[in-house]
Amino acid sequence: MISPFNPKQRNTLGGRITIALYRITQAIEHIFRERGKVTRLSPTQIQSLLFLKYARPGVRTIGGLANRLGVTHATSSGVADALEHKRLIKRTPLPEDQRVITLRLTPKGEDEAGMLEDVLDEIEAAVNALPEAEQTALLHAAQSIVRRLQQAGYVKIYEICWGCQFFRKDAHPDDPRGPHHCAFMDAPLPEPQTYLECPDFVPAEKEVILCSTEPID
């Protein structure tokens, strides 16, 4: 069996690219661990805070967090317990349905999440060092790989409304609940919520996807 992990067999273009991608994931893992040492947060807790900062309100739940992290409900609940113990999040009922408990960042959690915004700056700097033509080629190639992995069930894509086939821009501009409309939820959308990540995102036809994939555990 040919394996890209075997240096003697790493002689195909696909194998060399696969190992390069693997090394990038190792770099991301290292970056998250190093940031965790400074913040006293685990990589999973860092991902969770960033998820809660940018996910749409309806998915900021134990189940939504479990789906985002790719873990069990029990593991997700344990992560939430740890963050709540650190006073970074608070459990509150969803205003539209009091039976649903949401996870909300506390002011301390908002501050902490804000300081984590730059966690992938080193990766972005490495990308920005490439010529623009190479960045464009890399973007299209990476999107194609992500889409294939998504179809195989290995990755979930969370994106904002713009570019989603369910998004209806200015569907009811005079509606006080929001000028836009989500056909998936069949509900109005206020402008600020269109910039929150959603797991129900489906790319509109011929739309370029700027993928937001799950960080590495």
N, C-alpha and C. Protein backbone atom coordinates (compact mmCIF):
# COMPACT_ATOMS: atom_id res chain seq x y z
N MET A 1 0.84 -1.20 0.00
CA MET A 1 0.00 0.00 0.00
C MET A 1 0.88 1.25 0.00
N ILE A 2 0.60 2.17 -0.90
CA ILE A 2 1.35 3.41 -0.97
C ILE A 2 0.82 4.39 0.08
N SER A 3 1.73 4.93 0.88
CA SER A 3 1.34 5.86 1.93
C SER A 3 2.16 7.13 1.84
N PRO A 4 1.51 8.29 1.89
CA PRO A 4 2.27 9.56 1.86
C PRO A 4 3.11 9.75 3.11
N PHE A 5 2.86 8.95 4.16
CA PHE A 5 3.67 9.05 5.38
C PHE A 5 5.04 8.39 5.19
N ASN A 6 5.13 7.51 4.21
CA ASN A 6 6.41 6.84 3.93
C ASN A 6 7.22 7.71 2.98
N PRO A 7 8.35 8.29 3.44
CA PRO A 7 9.13 9.19 2.58
C PRO A 7 9.57 8.54 1.26
N LYS A 8 9.80 7.22 1.28
CA LYS A 8 10.23 6.53 0.06
C LYS A 8 9.12 6.49 -0.98
N GLN A 9 7.87 6.57 -0.51
CA GLN A 9 6.73 6.47 -1.43
C GLN A 9 6.10 7.82 -1.72
N ARG A 10 6.68 8.87 -1.16
CA ARG A 10 6.11 10.21 -1.31
C ARG A 10 6.61 10.81 -2.63
N ASN A 11 6.28 10.15 -3.71
CA ASN A 11 6.83 10.55 -5.01
C ASN A 11 5.76 10.98 -6.01
N THR A 12 4.52 11.13 -5.54
CA THR A 12 3.47 11.62 -6.42
C THR A 12 3.11 13.04 -6.02
N LEU A 13 2.58 13.79 -6.96
CA LEU A 13 2.18 15.17 -6.66
C LEU A 13 1.09 15.19 -5.59
N GLY A 14 0.11 14.29 -5.72
CA GLY A 14 -0.96 14.22 -4.73
C GLY A 14 -0.45 13.87 -3.35
N GLY A 15 0.53 12.95 -3.29
CA GLY A 15 1.10 12.56 -2.00
C GLY A 15 1.85 13.71 -1.34
N ARG A 16 2.59 14.46 -2.13
CA ARG A 16 3.34 15.59 -1.57
C ARG A 16 2.41 16.70 -1.09
N ILE A 17 1.32 16.93 -1.85
CA ILE A 17 0.34 17.93 -1.42
C ILE A 17 -0.36 17.48 -0.14
N THR A 18 -0.70 16.20 -0.06
CA THR A 18 -1.37 15.67 1.12
C THR A 18 -0.51 15.87 2.36
N ILE A 19 0.78 15.56 2.26
CA ILE A 19 1.68 15.75 3.40
C ILE A 19 1.82 17.23 3.74
N ALA A 20 1.83 18.10 2.73
CA ALA A 20 1.91 19.54 3.00
C ALA A 20 0.68 20.01 3.78
N LEU A 21 -0.49 19.52 3.39
CA LEU A 21 -1.71 19.88 4.11
C LEU A 21 -1.67 19.33 5.53
N TYR A 22 -1.15 18.14 5.69
CA TYR A 22 -1.02 17.54 7.02
C TYR A 22 -0.11 18.39 7.90
N ARG A 23 0.98 18.88 7.32
CA ARG A 23 1.91 19.72 8.10
C ARG A 23 1.26 21.05 8.48
N ILE A 24 0.37 21.56 7.63
CA ILE A 24 -0.34 22.79 7.97
C ILE A 24 -1.27 22.53 9.16
N THR A 25 -1.95 21.38 9.16
CA THR A 25 -2.82 21.06 10.31
C THR A 25 -1.98 20.92 11.58
N GLN A 26 -0.77 20.36 11.46
CA GLN A 26 0.12 20.27 12.62
C GLN A 26 0.48 21.67 13.13
N ALA A 27 0.72 22.59 12.21
CA ALA A 27 1.05 23.96 12.60
C ALA A 27 -0.12 24.60 13.32
N ILE A 28 -1.33 24.38 12.81
CA ILE A 28 -2.52 24.95 13.45
C ILE A 28 -2.71 24.37 14.85
N GLU A 29 -2.53 23.05 14.98
CA GLU A 29 -2.62 22.42 16.29
C GLU A 29 -1.62 23.05 17.26
N HIS A 30 -0.39 23.25 16.79
CA HIS A 30 0.66 23.83 17.62
C HIS A 30 0.30 25.26 18.04
N ILE A 31 -0.21 26.04 17.10
CA ILE A 31 -0.59 27.43 17.39
C ILE A 31 -1.68 27.48 18.46
N PHE A 32 -2.67 26.58 18.33
CA PHE A 32 -3.76 26.56 19.32
C PHE A 32 -3.26 26.12 20.69
N ARG A 33 -2.35 25.14 20.71
CA ARG A 33 -1.81 24.69 22.00
C ARG A 33 -1.00 25.79 22.67
N GLU A 34 -0.17 26.49 21.87
CA GLU A 34 0.65 27.57 22.43
C GLU A 34 -0.22 28.71 22.95
N ARG A 35 -1.27 29.05 22.21
CA ARG A 35 -2.16 30.11 22.68
C ARG A 35 -2.88 29.65 23.95
N GLY A 36 -3.19 28.37 24.00
CA GLY A 36 -3.86 27.82 25.18
C GLY A 36 -3.02 27.92 26.43
N LYS A 37 -1.69 27.80 26.28
CA LYS A 37 -0.80 27.93 27.44
C LYS A 37 -0.87 29.33 28.02
N VAL A 38 -1.02 30.31 27.15
CA VAL A 38 -1.07 31.71 27.58
C VAL A 38 -2.42 32.04 28.20
N THR A 39 -3.48 31.55 27.58
CA THR A 39 -4.84 31.89 28.02
C THR A 39 -5.42 30.91 29.04
N ARG A 40 -4.70 29.81 29.25
CA ARG A 40 -5.19 28.74 30.13
C ARG A 40 -6.50 28.17 29.61
N LEU A 41 -6.57 28.04 28.30
CA LEU A 41 -7.72 27.43 27.63
C LEU A 41 -7.21 26.27 26.78
N SER A 42 -8.01 25.23 26.68
CA SER A 42 -7.65 24.13 25.79
C SER A 42 -7.97 24.55 24.35
N PRO A 43 -7.36 23.89 23.35
CA PRO A 43 -7.70 24.20 21.96
C PRO A 43 -9.20 24.11 21.70
N THR A 44 -9.86 23.12 22.31
CA THR A 44 -11.31 22.97 22.13
C THR A 44 -12.06 24.15 22.72
N GLN A 45 -11.61 24.64 23.88
CA GLN A 45 -12.26 25.79 24.49
C GLN A 45 -12.07 27.05 23.65
N ILE A 46 -10.90 27.18 23.03
CA ILE A 46 -10.64 28.32 22.14
C ILE A 46 -11.61 28.28 20.96
N GLN A 47 -11.73 27.11 20.34
CA GLN A 47 -12.66 26.96 19.22
C GLN A 47 -14.09 27.27 19.64
N SER A 48 -14.45 26.84 20.84
CA SER A 48 -15.82 27.04 21.32
C SER A 48 -16.15 28.51 21.51
N LEU A 49 -15.22 29.27 22.08
CA LEU A 49 -15.45 30.70 22.28
C LEU A 49 -15.62 31.41 20.94
N LEU A 50 -14.79 31.07 19.96
CA LEU A 50 -14.90 31.69 18.65
C LEU A 50 -16.19 31.28 17.94
N PHE A 51 -16.60 30.03 18.14
CA PHE A 51 -17.88 29.56 17.59
C PHE A 51 -19.04 30.37 18.18
N LEU A 52 -19.04 30.52 19.49
CA LEU A 52 -20.14 31.23 20.14
C LEU A 52 -20.15 32.72 19.79
N LYS A 53 -19.02 33.26 19.43
CA LYS A 53 -18.95 34.67 19.04
C LYS A 53 -19.58 34.90 17.68
N TYR A 54 -19.43 33.94 16.76
CA TYR A 54 -19.83 34.19 15.38
C TYR A 54 -20.97 33.33 14.85
N ALA A 55 -21.42 32.34 15.62
CA ALA A 55 -22.52 31.50 15.14
C ALA A 55 -23.85 32.23 15.29
N ARG A 56 -24.81 31.89 14.43
CA ARG A 56 -26.13 32.52 14.57
C ARG A 56 -26.77 32.04 15.87
N PRO A 57 -27.64 32.85 16.49
CA PRO A 57 -28.17 32.55 17.82
C PRO A 57 -28.78 31.16 17.97
N GLY A 58 -29.51 30.69 16.97
CA GLY A 58 -30.21 29.41 17.10
C GLY A 58 -29.33 28.19 17.24
N VAL A 59 -28.05 28.30 16.91
CA VAL A 59 -27.16 27.13 17.02
C VAL A 59 -26.17 27.26 18.17
N ARG A 60 -26.31 28.29 18.97
CA ARG A 60 -25.43 28.44 20.14
C ARG A 60 -25.98 27.61 21.30
N THR A 61 -26.01 26.31 21.09
CA THR A 61 -26.53 25.37 22.08
C THR A 61 -25.51 24.26 22.29
N ILE A 62 -25.78 23.39 23.26
CA ILE A 62 -24.89 22.24 23.48
C ILE A 62 -24.82 21.39 22.22
N GLY A 63 -25.98 21.15 21.60
CA GLY A 63 -26.02 20.37 20.37
C GLY A 63 -25.29 21.05 19.23
N GLY A 64 -25.50 22.36 19.11
CA GLY A 64 -24.83 23.12 18.05
C GLY A 64 -23.32 23.11 18.23
N LEU A 65 -22.89 23.23 19.49
CA LEU A 65 -21.46 23.19 19.78
C LEU A 65 -20.88 21.81 19.48
N ALA A 66 -21.65 20.77 19.82
CA ALA A 66 -21.21 19.40 19.54
C ALA A 66 -21.01 19.19 18.04
N ASN A 67 -21.96 19.69 17.24
CA ASN A 67 -21.84 19.56 15.79
C ASN A 67 -20.63 20.33 15.26
N ARG A 68 -20.41 21.51 15.79
CA ARG A 68 -19.30 22.34 15.34
C ARG A 68 -17.96 21.68 15.66
N LEU A 69 -17.85 21.10 16.86
CA LEU A 69 -16.60 20.48 17.28
C LEU A 69 -16.43 19.06 16.77
N GLY A 70 -17.54 18.46 16.34
CA GLY A 70 -17.49 17.07 15.90
C GLY A 70 -17.31 16.11 17.06
N VAL A 71 -17.99 16.42 18.19
CA VAL A 71 -17.87 15.59 19.39
C VAL A 71 -19.27 15.16 19.85
N THR A 72 -19.32 14.34 20.89
CA THR A 72 -20.60 13.90 21.42
C THR A 72 -21.26 15.02 22.24
N HIS A 73 -22.55 14.84 22.49
CA HIS A 73 -23.30 15.81 23.30
C HIS A 73 -22.69 15.91 24.70
N ALA A 74 -22.27 14.76 25.26
CA ALA A 74 -21.69 14.75 26.60
C ALA A 74 -20.37 15.52 26.65
N THR A 75 -19.56 15.34 25.62
CA THR A 75 -18.27 16.07 25.56
C THR A 75 -18.51 17.57 25.42
N SER A 76 -19.47 17.93 24.56
CA SER A 76 -19.81 19.33 24.38
C SER A 76 -20.30 19.95 25.68
N SER A 77 -21.11 19.21 26.42
CA SER A 77 -21.63 19.69 27.70
C SER A 77 -20.48 19.91 28.68
N GLY A 78 -19.48 19.01 28.65
CA GLY A 78 -18.32 19.16 29.52
C GLY A 78 -17.51 20.40 29.18
N VAL A 79 -17.37 20.69 27.89
CA VAL A 79 -16.67 21.90 27.45
C VAL A 79 -17.41 23.14 27.95
N ALA A 80 -18.74 23.12 27.80
CA ALA A 80 -19.55 24.25 28.26
C ALA A 80 -19.44 24.42 29.77
N ASP A 81 -19.43 23.31 30.51
CA ASP A 81 -19.28 23.38 31.97
C ASP A 81 -17.97 24.07 32.35
N ALA A 82 -16.89 23.70 31.65
CA ALA A 82 -15.58 24.28 31.96
C ALA A 82 -15.55 25.78 31.67
N LEU A 83 -16.16 26.17 30.55
CA LEU A 83 -16.20 27.59 30.19
C LEU A 83 -17.10 28.38 31.14
N GLU A 84 -18.17 27.75 31.57
CA GLU A 84 -19.07 28.42 32.52
C GLU A 84 -18.37 28.57 33.87
N HIS A 85 -17.60 27.56 34.27
CA HIS A 85 -16.85 27.64 35.53
C HIS A 85 -15.85 28.79 35.49
N LYS A 86 -15.31 29.07 34.30
CA LYS A 86 -14.35 30.17 34.14
C LYS A 86 -15.05 31.51 33.92
N ARG A 87 -16.39 31.49 34.00
CA ARG A 87 -17.22 32.68 33.83
C ARG A 87 -17.07 33.29 32.43
N LEU A 88 -16.84 32.45 31.44
CA LEU A 88 -16.71 32.92 30.06
C LEU A 88 -18.01 32.78 29.28
N ILE A 89 -18.87 31.88 29.71
CA ILE A 89 -20.18 31.73 29.08
C ILE A 89 -21.25 31.58 30.15
N LYS A 90 -22.49 31.75 29.72
CA LYS A 90 -23.63 31.59 30.62
C LYS A 90 -24.75 30.89 29.86
N ARG A 91 -25.41 29.96 30.52
CA ARG A 91 -26.55 29.28 29.92
C ARG A 91 -27.80 30.13 30.11
N THR A 92 -28.52 30.41 29.04
CA THR A 92 -29.75 31.20 29.12
C THR A 92 -30.80 30.61 28.18
N PRO A 93 -32.10 30.72 28.52
CA PRO A 93 -33.14 30.21 27.63
C PRO A 93 -33.22 31.06 26.36
N LEU A 94 -33.53 30.41 25.24
CA LEU A 94 -33.72 31.12 23.98
C LEU A 94 -35.00 31.94 24.08
N PRO A 95 -34.96 33.24 23.79
CA PRO A 95 -36.16 34.08 23.94
C PRO A 95 -37.38 33.54 23.19
N GLU A 96 -37.17 32.99 21.98
CA GLU A 96 -38.31 32.50 21.19
C GLU A 96 -38.85 31.17 21.69
N ASP A 97 -38.03 30.41 22.42
CA ASP A 97 -38.44 29.10 22.92
C ASP A 97 -37.70 28.83 24.22
N GLN A 98 -38.39 29.06 25.34
CA GLN A 98 -37.77 28.97 26.66
C GLN A 98 -37.26 27.56 26.98
N ARG A 99 -37.71 26.55 26.21
CA ARG A 99 -37.25 25.18 26.46
C ARG A 99 -35.83 24.96 25.95
N VAL A 100 -35.40 25.82 25.04
CA VAL A 100 -34.06 25.68 24.45
C VAL A 100 -33.07 26.52 25.25
N ILE A 101 -32.02 25.88 25.74
CA ILE A 101 -30.98 26.57 26.51
C ILE A 101 -29.83 26.93 25.58
N THR A 102 -29.52 28.21 25.53
CA THR A 102 -28.43 28.68 24.67
C THR A 102 -27.18 28.98 25.51
N LEU A 103 -26.07 29.02 24.82
CA LEU A 103 -24.79 29.35 25.44
C LEU A 103 -24.40 30.75 25.01
N ARG A 104 -24.32 31.66 25.97
CA ARG A 104 -24.05 33.06 25.66
C ARG A 104 -22.72 33.48 26.27
N LEU A 105 -21.92 34.20 25.49
CA LEU A 105 -20.67 34.73 26.03
C LEU A 105 -20.96 35.80 27.08
N THR A 106 -20.27 35.73 28.17
CA THR A 106 -20.36 36.79 29.18
C THR A 106 -19.46 37.95 28.71
N PRO A 107 -19.54 39.11 29.35
CA PRO A 107 -18.61 40.18 28.99
C PRO A 107 -17.15 39.72 29.05
N LYS A 108 -16.82 38.92 30.05
CA LYS A 108 -15.45 38.38 30.15
C LYS A 108 -15.17 37.46 28.96
N GLY A 109 -16.18 36.66 28.58
CA GLY A 109 -16.03 35.76 27.44
C GLY A 109 -15.88 36.51 26.13
N GLU A 110 -16.63 37.61 26.01
CA GLU A 110 -16.51 38.45 24.80
C GLU A 110 -15.09 39.00 24.69
N ASP A 111 -14.56 39.46 25.81
CA ASP A 111 -13.19 40.00 25.81
C ASP A 111 -12.19 38.91 25.43
N GLU A 112 -12.38 37.73 26.01
CA GLU A 112 -11.46 36.62 25.75
C GLU A 112 -11.52 36.21 24.28
N ALA A 113 -12.75 36.10 23.74
CA ALA A 113 -12.91 35.73 22.33
C ALA A 113 -12.29 36.78 21.42
N GLY A 114 -12.43 38.04 21.81
CA GLY A 114 -11.84 39.12 21.02
C GLY A 114 -10.32 39.01 20.95
N MET A 115 -9.71 38.56 22.04
CA MET A 115 -8.25 38.43 22.07
C MET A 115 -7.76 37.19 21.32
N LEU A 116 -8.71 36.31 20.96
CA LEU A 116 -8.35 35.09 20.21
C LEU A 116 -8.50 35.28 18.71
N GLU A 117 -9.00 36.44 18.30
CA GLU A 117 -9.28 36.69 16.88
C GLU A 117 -8.06 36.48 15.99
N ASP A 118 -6.88 36.74 16.54
CA ASP A 118 -5.66 36.70 15.72
C ASP A 118 -4.95 35.35 15.77
N VAL A 119 -5.61 34.32 16.28
CA VAL A 119 -4.94 33.05 16.51
C VAL A 119 -4.39 32.41 15.22
N LEU A 120 -4.98 32.72 14.09
CA LEU A 120 -4.52 32.15 12.83
C LEU A 120 -3.74 33.16 11.97
N ASP A 121 -3.29 34.24 12.59
CA ASP A 121 -2.56 35.27 11.84
C ASP A 121 -1.29 34.73 11.17
N GLU A 122 -0.60 33.81 11.83
CA GLU A 122 0.63 33.26 11.25
C GLU A 122 0.33 32.48 9.97
N ILE A 123 -0.77 31.76 9.98
CA ILE A 123 -1.17 31.00 8.78
C ILE A 123 -1.54 31.97 7.66
N GLU A 124 -2.30 33.00 8.00
CA GLU A 124 -2.70 33.98 6.99
C GLU A 124 -1.49 34.73 6.44
N ALA A 125 -0.52 35.01 7.31
CA ALA A 125 0.69 35.70 6.85
C ALA A 125 1.46 34.84 5.85
N ALA A 126 1.51 33.53 6.10
CA ALA A 126 2.18 32.63 5.16
C ALA A 126 1.48 32.61 3.82
N VAL A 127 0.14 32.66 3.85
CA VAL A 127 -0.64 32.69 2.61
C VAL A 127 -0.42 34.02 1.89
N ASN A 128 -0.43 35.11 2.64
CA ASN A 128 -0.26 36.44 2.04
C ASN A 128 1.12 36.65 1.44
N ALA A 129 2.07 35.82 1.85
CA ALA A 129 3.42 35.93 1.29
C ALA A 129 3.50 35.36 -0.13
N LEU A 130 2.47 34.62 -0.53
CA LEU A 130 2.44 34.06 -1.88
C LEU A 130 2.02 35.13 -2.89
N PRO A 131 2.47 35.02 -4.12
CA PRO A 131 1.97 35.93 -5.17
C PRO A 131 0.46 35.78 -5.32
N GLU A 132 -0.20 36.84 -5.77
CA GLU A 132 -1.66 36.83 -5.85
C GLU A 132 -2.18 35.68 -6.72
N ALA A 133 -1.51 35.40 -7.82
CA ALA A 133 -1.95 34.32 -8.71
C ALA A 133 -1.92 32.97 -7.99
N GLU A 134 -0.88 32.76 -7.17
CA GLU A 134 -0.79 31.51 -6.42
C GLU A 134 -1.85 31.45 -5.33
N GLN A 135 -2.16 32.60 -4.72
CA GLN A 135 -3.23 32.63 -3.72
C GLN A 135 -4.56 32.26 -4.34
N THR A 136 -4.83 32.79 -5.54
CA THR A 136 -6.09 32.49 -6.22
C THR A 136 -6.19 31.01 -6.56
N ALA A 137 -5.10 30.45 -7.08
CA ALA A 137 -5.09 29.03 -7.41
C ALA A 137 -5.26 28.17 -6.15
N LEU A 138 -4.59 28.59 -5.07
CA LEU A 138 -4.69 27.86 -3.81
C LEU A 138 -6.11 27.91 -3.26
N LEU A 139 -6.75 29.07 -3.36
CA LEU A 139 -8.13 29.22 -2.88
C LEU A 139 -9.06 28.25 -3.60
N HIS A 140 -9.00 28.24 -4.93
CA HIS A 140 -9.89 27.37 -5.70
C HIS A 140 -9.61 25.90 -5.40
N ALA A 141 -8.33 25.55 -5.30
CA ALA A 141 -7.97 24.16 -5.01
C ALA A 141 -8.44 23.77 -3.61
N ALA A 142 -8.22 24.65 -2.63
CA ALA A 142 -8.62 24.34 -1.26
C ALA A 142 -10.14 24.21 -1.15
N GLN A 143 -10.88 25.08 -1.84
CA GLN A 143 -12.34 25.00 -1.83
C GLN A 143 -12.82 23.68 -2.41
N SER A 144 -12.18 23.24 -3.48
CA SER A 144 -12.57 21.97 -4.10
C SER A 144 -12.33 20.80 -3.15
N ILE A 145 -11.19 20.83 -2.45
CA ILE A 145 -10.88 19.78 -1.49
C ILE A 145 -11.89 19.79 -0.34
N VAL A 146 -12.20 20.98 0.16
CA VAL A 146 -13.14 21.10 1.27
C VAL A 146 -14.52 20.61 0.87
N ARG A 147 -14.96 20.97 -0.34
CA ARG A 147 -16.28 20.51 -0.80
C ARG A 147 -16.35 18.99 -0.88
N ARG A 148 -15.26 18.38 -1.38
CA ARG A 148 -15.25 16.91 -1.47
C ARG A 148 -15.26 16.28 -0.08
N LEU A 149 -14.50 16.84 0.85
CA LEU A 149 -14.49 16.33 2.22
C LEU A 149 -15.84 16.55 2.90
N GLN A 150 -16.49 17.67 2.57
CA GLN A 150 -17.83 17.93 3.12
C GLN A 150 -18.81 16.88 2.63
N GLN A 151 -18.77 16.59 1.34
CA GLN A 151 -19.68 15.59 0.77
C GLN A 151 -19.47 14.21 1.38
N ALA A 152 -18.22 13.94 1.79
CA ALA A 152 -17.91 12.65 2.41
C ALA A 152 -18.23 12.65 3.91
N GLY A 153 -18.64 13.81 4.44
CA GLY A 153 -19.02 13.89 5.84
C GLY A 153 -17.88 14.14 6.81
N TYR A 154 -16.71 14.57 6.29
CA TYR A 154 -15.55 14.78 7.15
C TYR A 154 -15.44 16.21 7.68
N VAL A 155 -16.16 17.13 7.11
CA VAL A 155 -16.06 18.52 7.53
C VAL A 155 -17.41 19.20 7.37
N LYS A 156 -17.70 20.14 8.26
CA LYS A 156 -18.93 20.92 8.18
C LYS A 156 -18.54 22.35 7.79
N ILE A 157 -19.32 22.93 6.90
CA ILE A 157 -19.06 24.30 6.48
C ILE A 157 -20.06 25.24 7.16
N TYR A 158 -19.52 26.22 7.84
CA TYR A 158 -20.34 27.27 8.46
C TYR A 158 -20.01 28.56 7.72
N GLU A 159 -21.04 29.21 7.18
CA GLU A 159 -20.79 30.45 6.47
C GLU A 159 -21.90 31.46 6.75
N ILE A 160 -21.65 32.71 6.34
CA ILE A 160 -22.64 33.76 6.51
C ILE A 160 -23.69 33.65 5.40
N CYS A 161 -24.77 34.38 5.55
CA CYS A 161 -25.92 34.27 4.63
C CYS A 161 -25.59 34.65 3.19
N TRP A 162 -24.74 35.64 3.03
CA TRP A 162 -24.44 36.14 1.69
C TRP A 162 -23.77 35.03 0.88
N GLY A 163 -24.38 34.68 -0.24
CA GLY A 163 -23.85 33.58 -1.05
C GLY A 163 -24.57 32.27 -0.81
N CYS A 164 -25.54 32.25 0.11
CA CYS A 164 -26.32 31.03 0.39
C CYS A 164 -27.56 30.99 -0.50
N GLN A 165 -27.93 29.80 -0.96
CA GLN A 165 -29.08 29.69 -1.84
C GLN A 165 -30.41 29.98 -1.13
N PHE A 166 -30.39 29.97 0.20
CA PHE A 166 -31.62 30.25 0.96
C PHE A 166 -31.77 31.74 1.29
N PHE A 167 -30.76 32.54 1.00
CA PHE A 167 -30.78 33.95 1.37
C PHE A 167 -31.55 34.77 0.34
N ARG A 168 -32.48 35.60 0.83
CA ARG A 168 -33.25 36.49 -0.02
C ARG A 168 -32.99 37.93 0.43
N LYS A 169 -32.17 38.61 -0.32
CA LYS A 169 -31.78 39.97 0.03
C LYS A 169 -32.95 40.93 -0.19
N ASP A 170 -33.21 41.80 0.81
CA ASP A 170 -34.25 42.83 0.73
C ASP A 170 -35.61 42.26 0.33
N ALA A 171 -35.93 41.09 0.88
CA ALA A 171 -37.22 40.47 0.55
C ALA A 171 -38.39 41.27 1.11
N HIS A 172 -38.21 41.87 2.27
CA HIS A 172 -39.26 42.73 2.86
C HIS A 172 -38.57 43.88 3.59
N PRO A 173 -38.14 44.89 2.84
CA PRO A 173 -37.34 45.99 3.39
C PRO A 173 -38.00 46.78 4.51
N ASP A 174 -39.33 46.75 4.59
CA ASP A 174 -40.02 47.54 5.62
C ASP A 174 -40.38 46.73 6.86
N ASP A 175 -40.01 45.46 6.89
CA ASP A 175 -40.33 44.60 8.03
C ASP A 175 -39.41 44.98 9.20
N PRO A 176 -39.97 45.37 10.35
CA PRO A 176 -39.13 45.77 11.48
C PRO A 176 -38.28 44.62 12.03
N ARG A 177 -38.69 43.38 11.73
CA ARG A 177 -37.92 42.23 12.20
C ARG A 177 -36.65 42.01 11.38
N GLY A 178 -36.59 42.60 10.18
CA GLY A 178 -35.41 42.46 9.34
C GLY A 178 -35.77 42.57 7.88
N PRO A 179 -34.93 43.20 7.07
CA PRO A 179 -35.25 43.41 5.65
C PRO A 179 -35.02 42.18 4.76
N HIS A 180 -34.18 41.25 5.23
CA HIS A 180 -33.85 40.08 4.42
C HIS A 180 -34.67 38.87 4.87
N HIS A 181 -34.54 37.76 4.14
CA HIS A 181 -35.33 36.57 4.47
C HIS A 181 -34.49 35.32 4.30
N CYS A 182 -34.66 34.37 5.23
CA CYS A 182 -34.02 33.06 5.13
C CYS A 182 -35.10 32.06 4.72
N ALA A 183 -34.95 31.50 3.51
CA ALA A 183 -35.94 30.55 3.02
C ALA A 183 -35.85 29.22 3.77
N PHE A 184 -34.69 28.89 4.29
CA PHE A 184 -34.53 27.64 5.04
C PHE A 184 -35.31 27.71 6.35
N MET A 185 -35.17 28.82 7.07
CA MET A 185 -35.87 29.01 8.34
C MET A 185 -37.26 29.61 8.14
N ASP A 186 -37.50 30.13 6.92
CA ASP A 186 -38.72 30.86 6.59
C ASP A 186 -38.96 31.96 7.62
N ALA A 187 -37.94 32.81 7.76
CA ALA A 187 -37.99 33.86 8.78
C ALA A 187 -37.25 35.09 8.30
N PRO A 188 -37.68 36.27 8.76
CA PRO A 188 -36.96 37.51 8.42
C PRO A 188 -35.56 37.50 9.03
N LEU A 189 -34.66 38.23 8.40
CA LEU A 189 -33.28 38.32 8.88
C LEU A 189 -32.88 39.78 9.04
N PRO A 190 -32.55 40.21 10.25
CA PRO A 190 -31.99 41.55 10.40
C PRO A 190 -30.57 41.57 9.83
N GLU A 191 -30.14 42.72 9.38
CA GLU A 191 -28.83 42.84 8.72
C GLU A 191 -27.68 42.24 9.54
N PRO A 192 -27.56 42.53 10.86
CA PRO A 192 -26.42 42.00 11.62
C PRO A 192 -26.35 40.47 11.60
N GLN A 193 -27.51 39.80 11.59
CA GLN A 193 -27.51 38.34 11.64
C GLN A 193 -27.05 37.70 10.33
N THR A 194 -27.05 38.47 9.25
CA THR A 194 -26.60 37.91 7.98
C THR A 194 -25.08 37.72 7.96
N TYR A 195 -24.40 38.27 8.96
CA TYR A 195 -22.94 38.14 9.02
C TYR A 195 -22.51 37.15 10.10
N LEU A 196 -23.45 36.33 10.57
CA LEU A 196 -23.12 35.28 11.53
C LEU A 196 -23.06 33.94 10.80
N GLU A 197 -22.19 33.05 11.28
CA GLU A 197 -22.00 31.76 10.60
C GLU A 197 -23.18 30.83 10.86
N CYS A 198 -23.54 30.08 9.83
CA CYS A 198 -24.71 29.20 9.91
C CYS A 198 -24.37 27.83 9.36
N PRO A 199 -24.75 26.74 10.07
CA PRO A 199 -24.46 25.39 9.59
C PRO A 199 -25.37 24.95 8.44
N ASP A 200 -26.43 25.70 8.18
CA ASP A 200 -27.37 25.35 7.12
C ASP A 200 -26.99 26.00 5.79
N PHE A 201 -25.82 26.64 5.74
CA PHE A 201 -25.36 27.30 4.52
C PHE A 201 -25.23 26.30 3.37
N VAL A 202 -25.85 26.66 2.25
CA VAL A 202 -25.69 25.89 1.00
C VAL A 202 -25.32 26.91 -0.07
N PRO A 203 -24.20 26.72 -0.73
CA PRO A 203 -23.76 27.74 -1.70
C PRO A 203 -24.74 27.92 -2.85
N ALA A 204 -25.00 29.18 -3.18
CA ALA A 204 -25.83 29.48 -4.33
C ALA A 204 -25.09 29.06 -5.60
N GLU A 205 -25.82 28.73 -6.62
CA GLU A 205 -25.20 28.29 -7.85
C GLU A 205 -24.27 29.35 -8.40
N LYS A 206 -23.09 28.92 -8.85
CA LYS A 206 -22.07 29.79 -9.43
C LYS A 206 -21.51 30.79 -8.44
N GLU A 207 -21.76 30.53 -7.14
CA GLU A 207 -21.25 31.45 -6.12
C GLU A 207 -19.92 30.94 -5.61
N VAL A 208 -18.94 31.83 -5.44
CA VAL A 208 -17.65 31.43 -4.88
C VAL A 208 -17.80 31.32 -3.37
N ILE A 209 -17.39 30.19 -2.80
CA ILE A 209 -17.50 29.96 -1.38
C ILE A 209 -16.20 30.33 -0.68
N LEU A 210 -16.30 31.19 0.30
CA LEU A 210 -15.15 31.43 1.16
C LEU A 210 -15.36 30.57 2.37
N CYS A 211 -14.83 29.36 2.34
CA CYS A 211 -15.13 28.33 3.33
C CYS A 211 -14.65 28.71 4.72
N SER A 212 -15.50 28.43 5.73
CA SER A 212 -15.11 28.57 7.12
C SER A 212 -15.24 27.20 7.74
N THR A 213 -14.16 26.47 7.80
CA THR A 213 -14.22 25.10 8.27
C THR A 213 -13.83 25.01 9.72
N GLU A 214 -14.09 23.83 10.27
CA GLU A 214 -13.82 23.64 11.67
C GLU A 214 -12.32 23.62 11.94
N PRO A 215 -11.86 24.33 12.97
CA PRO A 215 -10.46 24.27 13.32
C PRO A 215 -10.09 22.89 13.83
N ILE A 216 -8.81 22.64 13.91
CA ILE A 216 -8.35 21.34 14.37
C ILE A 216 -8.42 21.28 15.87
N ASP A 217 -8.84 20.11 16.39
CA ASP A 217 -8.89 19.89 17.84
C ASP A 217 -7.49 19.84 18.40
